[in-house]
PDB file of N, CA and C in Angstrom:
ATOM      1  N   MET A   1     174.540 104.099 132.099  1.00  0.00           N
ATOM      2  CA  MET A   1     174.100 105.505 131.747  1.00  0.00           C
ATOM      3  C   MET A   1     173.643 106.032 132.874  1.00  0.00           C
ATOM      4  N   TRP A   2     174.036 107.376 133.032  1.00  0.00           N
ATOM      5  CA  TRP A   2     173.548 108.191 134.240  1.00  0.00           C
ATOM      6  C   TRP A   2     172.734 109.332 133.702  1.00  0.00           C
ATOM      7  N   ILE A   3     171.467 109.494 134.381  1.00  0.00           N
ATOM      8  CA  ILE A   3     170.704 110.646 134.202  1.00  0.00           C
ATOM      9  C   ILE A   3     170.456 111.290 135.546  1.00  0.00           C
ATOM     10  N   GLY A   4     170.936 112.529 135.766  1.00  0.00           N
ATOM     11  CA  GLY A   4     170.674 113.201 137.078  1.00  0.00           C
ATOM     12  C   GLY A   4     171.830 113.990 137.394  1.00  0.00           C
ATOM     13  N   HIS A   5     171.854 114.311 138.862  1.00  0.00           N
ATOM     14  CA  HIS A   5     173.070 115.212 139.259  1.00  0.00           C
ATOM     15  C   HIS A   5     173.800 114.255 140.100  1.00  0.00           C
ATOM     16  N   ASP A   6     175.075 114.721 140.636  1.00  0.00           N
ATOM     17  CA  ASP A   6     175.714 113.971 141.568  1.00  0.00           C
ATOM     18  C   ASP A   6     175.435 114.211 142.977  1.00  0.00           C
ATOM     19  N   ASN A   7     174.098 114.445 143.394  1.00  0.00           N
ATOM     20  CA  ASN A   7     173.705 114.325 144.693  1.00  0.00           C
ATOM     21  C   ASN A   7     172.436 113.511 144.881  1.00  0.00           C
ATOM     22  N   PRO A   8     172.223 113.097 146.126  1.00  0.00           N
ATOM     23  CA  PRO A   8     171.190 112.103 146.381  1.00  0.00           C
ATOM     24  C   PRO A   8     169.781 112.708 146.259  1.00  0.00           C
ATOM     25  N   GLN A   9     169.328 113.538 145.344  1.00  0.00           N
ATOM     26  CA  GLN A   9     168.118 114.015 145.370  1.00  0.00           C
ATOM     27  C   GLN A   9     167.433 113.469 143.999  1.00  0.00           C
ATOM     28  N   ASN A  10     166.169 113.421 144.013  1.00  0.00           N
ATOM     29  CA  ASN A  10     165.371 113.057 142.857  1.00  0.00           C
ATOM     30  C   ASN A  10     165.114 114.343 142.129  1.00  0.00           C
ATOM     31  N   LEU A  11     165.633 114.453 141.003  1.00  0.00           N
ATOM     32  CA  LEU A  11     165.623 115.717 140.305  1.00  0.00           C
ATOM     33  C   LEU A  11     164.334 115.775 139.258  1.00  0.00           C
ATOM     34  N   LEU A  12     163.568 114.873 139.093  1.00  0.00           N
ATOM     35  CA  LEU A  12     162.528 114.921 138.075  1.00  0.00           C
ATOM     36  C   LEU A  12     161.223 114.891 138.773  1.00  0.00           C
ATOM     37  N   LEU A  13     160.660 113.651 138.922  1.00  0.00           N
ATOM     38  CA  LEU A  13     159.378 113.550 139.463  1.00  0.00           C
ATOM     39  C   LEU A  13     159.251 112.608 140.672  1.00  0.00           C
ATOM     40  N   LYS A  14     158.297 112.630 141.343  1.00  0.00           N
ATOM     41  CA  LYS A  14     158.230 111.628 142.568  1.00  0.00           C
ATOM     42  C   LYS A  14     158.141 110.247 142.020  1.00  0.00           C
ATOM     43  N   ASP A  15     158.840 109.356 142.615  1.00  0.00           N
ATOM     44  CA  ASP A  15     158.871 108.018 142.516  1.00  0.00           C
ATOM     45  C   ASP A  15     159.430 107.577 140.998  1.00  0.00           C
ATOM     46  N   THR A  16     160.294 108.349 140.417  1.00  0.00           N
ATOM     47  CA  THR A  16     160.887 108.054 139.197  1.00  0.00           C
ATOM     48  C   THR A  16     162.072 106.997 139.338  1.00  0.00           C
ATOM     49  N   THR A  17     162.292 106.287 138.284  1.00  0.00           N
ATOM     50  CA  THR A  17     163.265 105.156 138.347  1.00  0.00           C
ATOM     51  C   THR A  17     164.089 105.125 137.038  1.00  0.00           C
ATOM     52  N   GLY A  18     165.051 104.343 137.042  1.00  0.00           N
ATOM     53  CA  GLY A  18     165.860 104.194 135.895  1.00  0.00           C
ATOM     54  C   GLY A  18     165.067 103.705 134.787  1.00  0.00           C
ATOM     55  N   GLY A  19     163.971 102.893 134.980  1.00  0.00           N
ATOM     56  CA  GLY A  19     163.142 102.377 134.034  1.00  0.00           C
ATOM     57  C   GLY A  19     162.264 103.497 133.329  1.00  0.00           C
ATOM     58  N   SER A  20     162.120 104.695 133.968  1.00  0.00           N
ATOM     59  CA  SER A  20     161.304 105.595 133.541  1.00  0.00           C
ATOM     60  C   SER A  20     161.999 106.483 132.592  1.00  0.00           C
ATOM     61  N   TYR A  21     163.422 106.736 132.729  1.00  0.00           N
ATOM     62  CA  TYR A  21     163.990 107.649 131.987  1.00  0.00           C
ATOM     63  C   TYR A  21     165.282 107.156 131.353  1.00  0.00           C
ATOM     64  N   ALA A  22     166.101 106.604 132.114  1.00  0.00           N
ATOM     65  CA  ALA A  22     167.405 106.148 131.512  1.00  0.00           C
ATOM     66  C   ALA A  22     167.217 104.787 130.533  1.00  0.00           C
ATOM     67  N   ALA A  23     166.313 103.964 130.938  1.00  0.00           N
ATOM     68  CA  ALA A  23     166.132 102.742 130.186  1.00  0.00           C
ATOM     69  C   ALA A  23     165.604 103.018 128.725  1.00  0.00           C
ATOM     70  N   PRO A  24     164.495 103.850 128.609  1.00  0.00           N
ATOM     71  CA  PRO A  24     164.060 104.146 127.162  1.00  0.00           C
ATOM     72  C   PRO A  24     165.060 104.836 126.392  1.00  0.00           C
ATOM     73  N   LEU A  25     165.929 105.626 126.908  1.00  0.00           N
ATOM     74  CA  LEU A  25     167.091 106.287 126.316  1.00  0.00           C
ATOM     75  C   LEU A  25     168.034 105.357 125.887  1.00  0.00           C
ATOM     76  N   TRP A  26     168.453 104.512 126.763  1.00  0.00           N
ATOM     77  CA  TRP A  26     169.355 103.361 126.485  1.00  0.00           C
ATOM     78  C   TRP A  26     168.826 102.500 125.239  1.00  0.00           C
ATOM     79  N   GLN A  27     167.591 102.110 125.367  1.00  0.00           N
ATOM     80  CA  GLN A  27     166.961 101.281 124.495  1.00  0.00           C
ATOM     81  C   GLN A  27     167.187 101.888 123.112  1.00  0.00           C
ATOM     82  N   LYS A  28     166.712 103.104 122.928  1.00  0.00           N
ATOM     83  CA  LYS A  28     166.844 103.801 121.519  1.00  0.00           C
ATOM     84  C   LYS A  28     168.371 103.800 121.062  1.00  0.00           C
ATOM     85  N   PHE A  29     169.250 104.099 122.014  1.00  0.00           N
ATOM     86  CA  PHE A  29     170.667 104.129 121.567  1.00  0.00           C
ATOM     87  C   PHE A  29     171.013 102.694 121.038  1.00  0.00           C
ATOM     88  N   MET A  30     170.725 101.710 121.887  1.00  0.00           N
ATOM     89  CA  MET A  30     171.239 100.275 121.473  1.00  0.00           C
ATOM     90  C   MET A  30     170.509  99.721 120.159  1.00  0.00           C
ATOM     91  N   GLU A  31     169.237 100.275 119.952  1.00  0.00           N
ATOM     92  CA  GLU A  31     168.483  99.845 118.748  1.00  0.00           C
ATOM     93  C   GLU A  31     169.283 100.379 117.571  1.00  0.00           C
ATOM     94  N   LYS A  32     169.584 101.747 117.652  1.00  0.00           N
ATOM     95  CA  LYS A  32     170.227 102.356 116.625  1.00  0.00           C
ATOM     96  C   LYS A  32     171.625 101.847 116.212  1.00  0.00           C
ATOM     97  N   ILE A  33     172.403 101.541 117.306  1.00  0.00           N
ATOM     98  CA  ILE A  33     173.706 100.995 116.876  1.00  0.00           C
ATOM     99  C   ILE A  33     173.770  99.545 116.493  1.00  0.00           C
ATOM    100  N   HIS A  34     172.674  98.844 116.731  1.00  0.00           N
ATOM    101  CA  HIS A  34     172.567  97.422 116.400  1.00  0.00           C
ATOM    102  C   HIS A  34     171.870  97.356 115.089  1.00  0.00           C
ATOM    103  N   GLU A  35     171.333  98.395 114.412  1.00  0.00           N
ATOM    104  CA  GLU A  35     170.489  98.284 113.303  1.00  0.00           C
ATOM    105  C   GLU A  35     171.157  97.612 112.139  1.00  0.00           C
ATOM    106  N   GLY A  36     170.574  96.565 111.595  1.00  0.00           N
ATOM    107  CA  GLY A  36     171.126  95.932 110.358  1.00  0.00           C
ATOM    108  C   GLY A  36     171.965  94.725 110.896  1.00  0.00           C
ATOM    109  N   LEU A  37     172.271  94.509 112.191  1.00  0.00           N
ATOM    110  CA  LEU A  37     173.048  93.541 112.573  1.00  0.00           C
ATOM    111  C   LEU A  37     172.193  92.192 112.889  1.00  0.00           C
ATOM    112  N   PRO A  38     172.734  91.066 112.621  1.00  0.00           N
ATOM    113  CA  PRO A  38     171.936  89.856 112.960  1.00  0.00           C
ATOM    114  C   PRO A  38     171.808  89.522 114.395  1.00  0.00           C
ATOM    115  N   ASP A  39     170.692  88.961 114.785  1.00  0.00           N
ATOM    116  CA  ASP A  39     170.443  88.577 116.176  1.00  0.00           C
ATOM    117  C   ASP A  39     171.539  87.559 116.516  1.00  0.00           C
ATOM    118  N   LYS A  40     171.960  87.525 117.709  1.00  0.00           N
ATOM    119  CA  LYS A  40     172.969  86.625 118.269  1.00  0.00           C
ATOM    120  C   LYS A  40     172.790  86.359 119.623  1.00  0.00           C
ATOM    121  N   ALA A  41     172.956  85.123 119.931  1.00  0.00           N
ATOM    122  CA  ALA A  41     172.903  84.730 121.418  1.00  0.00           C
ATOM    123  C   ALA A  41     173.965  85.352 122.243  1.00  0.00           C
ATOM    124  N   ILE A  42     173.573  85.860 123.525  1.00  0.00           N
ATOM    125  CA  ILE A  42     174.632  86.483 124.291  1.00  0.00           C
ATOM    126  C   ILE A  42     175.471  85.530 125.204  1.00  0.00           C
ATOM    127  N   ILE A  43     174.960  84.145 125.255  1.00  0.00           N
ATOM    128  CA  ILE A  43     175.712  83.136 125.924  1.00  0.00           C
ATOM    129  C   ILE A  43     175.568  82.034 125.033  1.00  0.00           C
ATOM    130  N   ASP A  44     176.720  81.101 125.100  1.00  0.00           N
ATOM    131  CA  ASP A  44     176.697  79.839 124.364  1.00  0.00           C
ATOM    132  C   ASP A  44     175.932  78.770 125.019  1.00  0.00           C
ATOM    133  N   GLU A  45     176.019  78.708 126.357  1.00  0.00           N
ATOM    134  CA  GLU A  45     175.370  77.647 127.197  1.00  0.00           C
ATOM    135  C   GLU A  45     173.953  77.754 127.215  1.00  0.00           C
ATOM    136  N   GLU A  46     173.226  76.628 127.560  1.00  0.00           N
ATOM    137  CA  GLU A  46     171.832  76.735 127.908  1.00  0.00           C
ATOM    138  C   GLU A  46     171.716  77.525 129.307  1.00  0.00           C
ATOM    139  N   PRO A  47     170.763  78.326 129.510  1.00  0.00           N
ATOM    140  CA  PRO A  47     170.623  78.989 130.845  1.00  0.00           C
ATOM    141  C   PRO A  47     170.616  78.066 131.958  1.00  0.00           C
ATOM    142  N   SER A  48     170.113  76.887 131.830  1.00  0.00           N
ATOM    143  CA  SER A  48     170.050  75.966 133.023  1.00  0.00           C
ATOM    144  C   SER A  48     171.471  75.477 133.348  1.00  0.00           C
ATOM    145  N   ALA A  49     172.362  75.399 132.403  1.00  0.00           N
ATOM    146  CA  ALA A  49     173.672  74.952 132.810  1.00  0.00           C
ATOM    147  C   ALA A  49     174.529  76.043 133.661  1.00  0.00           C
ATOM    148  N   LEU A  50     173.867  77.357 133.591  1.00  0.00           N
ATOM    149  CA  LEU A  50     174.383  78.301 134.408  1.00  0.00           C
ATOM    150  C   LEU A  50     173.738  78.594 135.770  1.00  0.00           C
ATOM    151  N   GLY A  51     172.790  77.722 136.118  1.00  0.00           N
ATOM    152  CA  GLY A  51     172.039  77.749 137.273  1.00  0.00           C
ATOM    153  C   GLY A  51     170.832  78.728 137.114  1.00  0.00           C
ATOM    154  N   LEU A  52     170.504  78.956 136.032  1.00  0.00           N
ATOM    155  CA  LEU A  52     169.314  79.907 135.764  1.00  0.00           C
ATOM    156  C   LEU A  52     167.965  79.108 135.631  1.00  0.00           C
ATOM    157  N   VAL A  53     166.880  79.689 135.983  1.00  0.00           N
ATOM    158  CA  VAL A  53     165.593  79.234 135.745  1.00  0.00           C
ATOM    159  C   VAL A  53     164.626  80.283 135.307  1.00  0.00           C
ATOM    160  N   LYS A  54     163.725  79.920 134.555  1.00  0.00           N
ATOM    161  CA  LYS A  54     162.778  81.026 134.126  1.00  0.00           C
ATOM    162  C   LYS A  54     161.560  80.992 135.025  1.00  0.00           C
ATOM    163  N   LYS A  55     161.083  82.155 135.569  1.00  0.00           N
ATOM    164  CA  LYS A  55     160.100  82.336 136.497  1.00  0.00           C
ATOM    165  C   LYS A  55     159.230  83.414 136.185  1.00  0.00           C
ATOM    166  N   THR A  56     158.002  83.325 136.514  1.00  0.00           N
ATOM    167  CA  THR A  56     156.950  84.548 136.434  1.00  0.00           C
ATOM    168  C   THR A  56     156.755  84.931 137.739  1.00  0.00           C
ATOM    169  N   VAL A  57     157.029  86.233 138.133  1.00  0.00           N
ATOM    170  CA  VAL A  57     156.895  86.647 139.342  1.00  0.00           C
ATOM    171  C   VAL A  57     155.886  87.877 139.403  1.00  0.00           C
ATOM    172  N   CYS A  58     155.159  88.092 140.501  1.00  0.00           N
ATOM    173  CA  CYS A  58     154.316  89.196 140.697  1.00  0.00           C
ATOM    174  C   CYS A  58     155.213  90.514 140.796  1.00  0.00           C
ATOM    175  N   SER A  59     155.013  91.551 140.013  1.00  0.00           N
ATOM    176  CA  SER A  59     155.718  92.709 140.091  1.00  0.00           C
ATOM    177  C   SER A  59     155.515  93.631 141.400  1.00  0.00           C
ATOM    178  N   VAL A  60     154.417  93.165 142.056  1.00  0.00           N
ATOM    179  CA  VAL A  60     154.231  93.932 143.287  1.00  0.00           C
ATOM    180  C   VAL A  60     154.794  93.161 144.505  1.00  0.00           C
ATOM    181  N   SER A  61     154.663  91.972 144.644  1.00  0.00           N
ATOM    182  CA  SER A  61     155.063  91.274 145.755  1.00  0.00           C
ATOM    183  C   SER A  61     156.544  90.532 145.584  1.00  0.00           C
ATOM    184  N   GLY A  62     156.907  90.398 144.242  1.00  0.00           N
ATOM    185  CA  GLY A  62     158.109  89.644 144.076  1.00  0.00           C
ATOM    186  C   GLY A  62     158.044  88.065 144.229  1.00  0.00           C
ATOM    187  N   LEU A  63     156.862  87.724 144.498  1.00  0.00           N
ATOM    188  CA  LEU A  63     156.536  86.228 144.787  1.00  0.00           C
ATOM    189  C   LEU A  63     156.188  85.602 143.439  1.00  0.00           C
ATOM    190  N   LEU A  64     156.048  84.266 143.423  1.00  0.00           N
ATOM    191  CA  LEU A  64     155.602  83.580 142.154  1.00  0.00           C
ATOM    192  C   LEU A  64     154.153  84.185 141.830  1.00  0.00           C
ATOM    193  N   ALA A  65     153.903  84.440 140.553  1.00  0.00           N
ATOM    194  CA  ALA A  65     152.678  85.088 140.227  1.00  0.00           C
ATOM    195  C   ALA A  65     151.541  84.169 140.389  1.00  0.00           C
ATOM    196  N   THR A  66     150.427  84.664 140.750  1.00  0.00           N
ATOM    197  CA  THR A  66     149.181  84.006 141.022  1.00  0.00           C
ATOM    198  C   THR A  66     148.095  84.673 140.160  1.00  0.00           C
ATOM    199  N   ASP A  67     146.985  84.132 139.953  1.00  0.00           N
ATOM    200  CA  ASP A  67     145.931  84.683 138.982  1.00  0.00           C
ATOM    201  C   ASP A  67     145.659  86.186 139.517  1.00  0.00           C
ATOM    202  N   ALA A  68     145.896  86.514 140.855  1.00  0.00           N
ATOM    203  CA  ALA A  68     145.471  87.884 141.321  1.00  0.00           C
ATOM    204  C   ALA A  68     146.552  88.884 140.797  1.00  0.00           C
ATOM    205  N   CYS A  69     147.814  88.481 140.450  1.00  0.00           N
ATOM    206  CA  CYS A  69     148.765  89.373 139.899  1.00  0.00           C
ATOM    207  C   CYS A  69     148.404  89.947 138.647  1.00  0.00           C
ATOM    208  N   TYR A  70     147.630  89.209 137.871  1.00  0.00           N
ATOM    209  CA  TYR A  70     147.202  89.582 136.401  1.00  0.00           C
ATOM    210  C   TYR A  70     146.019  90.451 136.630  1.00  0.00           C
ATOM    211  N   LEU A  71     145.408  90.808 137.805  1.00  0.00           N
ATOM    212  CA  LEU A  71     144.268  91.574 137.962  1.00  0.00           C
ATOM    213  C   LEU A  71     144.678  92.830 138.643  1.00  0.00           C
ATOM    214  N   ASP A  72     145.848  93.281 138.792  1.00  0.00           N
ATOM    215  CA  ASP A  72     146.207  94.519 139.501  1.00  0.00           C
ATOM    216  C   ASP A  72     145.743  95.689 138.822  1.00  0.00           C
ATOM    217  N   LYS A  73     144.832  96.537 139.503  1.00  0.00           N
ATOM    218  CA  LYS A  73     144.209  97.707 138.981  1.00  0.00           C
ATOM    219  C   LYS A  73     145.103  98.788 138.714  1.00  0.00           C
ATOM    220  N   ALA A  74     146.386  98.729 139.134  1.00  0.00           N
ATOM    221  CA  ALA A  74     147.364  99.807 138.923  1.00  0.00           C
ATOM    222  C   ALA A  74     148.053  99.489 137.706  1.00  0.00           C
ATOM    223  N   GLY A  75     147.796  98.193 137.101  1.00  0.00           N
ATOM    224  CA  GLY A  75     148.517  97.997 135.739  1.00  0.00           C
ATOM    225  C   GLY A  75     149.825  97.289 135.980  1.00  0.00           C
ATOM    226  N   HIS A  76     150.154  96.981 137.138  1.00  0.00           N
ATOM    227  CA  HIS A  76     151.472  96.221 137.417  1.00  0.00           C
ATOM    228  C   HIS A  76     151.209  94.778 136.944  1.00  0.00           C
ATOM    229  N   THR A  77     151.979  94.387 135.865  1.00  0.00           N
ATOM    230  CA  THR A  77     151.750  92.947 135.413  1.00  0.00           C
ATOM    231  C   THR A  77     152.872  92.138 135.830  1.00  0.00           C
ATOM    232  N   PRO A  78     152.693  90.801 135.907  1.00  0.00           N
ATOM    233  CA  PRO A  78     153.738  89.871 136.137  1.00  0.00           C
ATOM    234  C   PRO A  78     154.980  89.942 135.302  1.00  0.00           C
ATOM    235  N   ILE A  79     156.161  89.513 135.678  1.00  0.00           N
ATOM    236  CA  ILE A  79     157.350  89.686 134.885  1.00  0.00           C
ATOM    237  C   ILE A  79     157.749  88.140 134.725  1.00  0.00           C
ATOM    238  N   THR A  80     158.153  87.848 133.528  1.00  0.00           N
ATOM    239  CA  THR A  80     158.683  86.490 133.341  1.00  0.00           C
ATOM    240  C   THR A  80     160.213  86.849 132.857  1.00  0.00           C
ATOM    241  N   ASP A  81     161.182  86.231 133.676  1.00  0.00           N
ATOM    242  CA  ASP A  81     162.577  86.493 133.374  1.00  0.00           C
ATOM    243  C   ASP A  81     163.393  85.270 133.956  1.00  0.00           C
ATOM    244  N   TRP A  82     164.784  85.303 133.595  1.00  0.00           N
ATOM    245  CA  TRP A  82     165.732  84.326 133.923  1.00  0.00           C
ATOM    246  C   TRP A  82     166.135  84.760 135.393  1.00  0.00           C
ATOM    247  N   MET A  83     166.493  83.895 136.320  1.00  0.00           N
ATOM    248  CA  MET A  83     167.065  84.374 137.501  1.00  0.00           C
ATOM    249  C   MET A  83     167.763  83.063 138.039  1.00  0.00           C
ATOM    250  N   LEU A  84     168.756  83.293 139.026  1.00  0.00           N
ATOM    251  CA  LEU A  84     169.522  82.356 139.532  1.00  0.00           C
ATOM    252  C   LEU A  84     168.545  81.321 140.361  1.00  0.00           C
ATOM    253  N   GLU A  85     168.608  80.092 140.192  1.00  0.00           N
ATOM    254  CA  GLU A  85     167.823  79.211 140.891  1.00  0.00           C
ATOM    255  C   GLU A  85     167.747  79.406 142.423  1.00  0.00           C
ATOM    256  N   SER A  86     168.875  79.780 142.815  1.00  0.00           N
ATOM    257  CA  SER A  86     168.994  79.968 144.404  1.00  0.00           C
ATOM    258  C   SER A  86     168.349  81.231 144.695  1.00  0.00           C
ATOM    259  N   ASP A  87     167.926  82.114 143.894  1.00  0.00           N
ATOM    260  CA  ASP A  87     167.315  83.506 144.238  1.00  0.00           C
ATOM    261  C   ASP A  87     165.851  83.409 143.786  1.00  0.00           C
ATOM    262  N   ALA A  88     165.274  82.405 143.168  1.00  0.00           N
ATOM    263  CA  ALA A  88     164.087  82.270 142.708  1.00  0.00           C
ATOM    264  C   ALA A  88     163.036  82.155 143.855  1.00  0.00           C
ATOM    265  N   PRO A  89     161.885  82.863 143.772  1.00  0.00           N
ATOM    266  CA  PRO A  89     160.943  82.803 144.908  1.00  0.00           C
ATOM    267  C   PRO A  89     160.153  81.357 144.918  1.00  0.00           C
TER     268      PRO A  89
END
């Protein structure tokens, strides 16, 4: 999904990202077209068989989350997600 013009300028607000505009629009679209469909796994294998590990990282530093990450006054909370073991902090 593309939102914007075909030049390298930020057309909306300072520090906007795909998560601010494109992702919510894409989420609404995907929720609508999947309405009424059963949940289904996107892979048949266990994530670990694909070299993936689940880690919680600080959304500010990108390092493994510490207690300080949960106290960020700007509201940046840690993120838990799957990643390649070789890329994990």
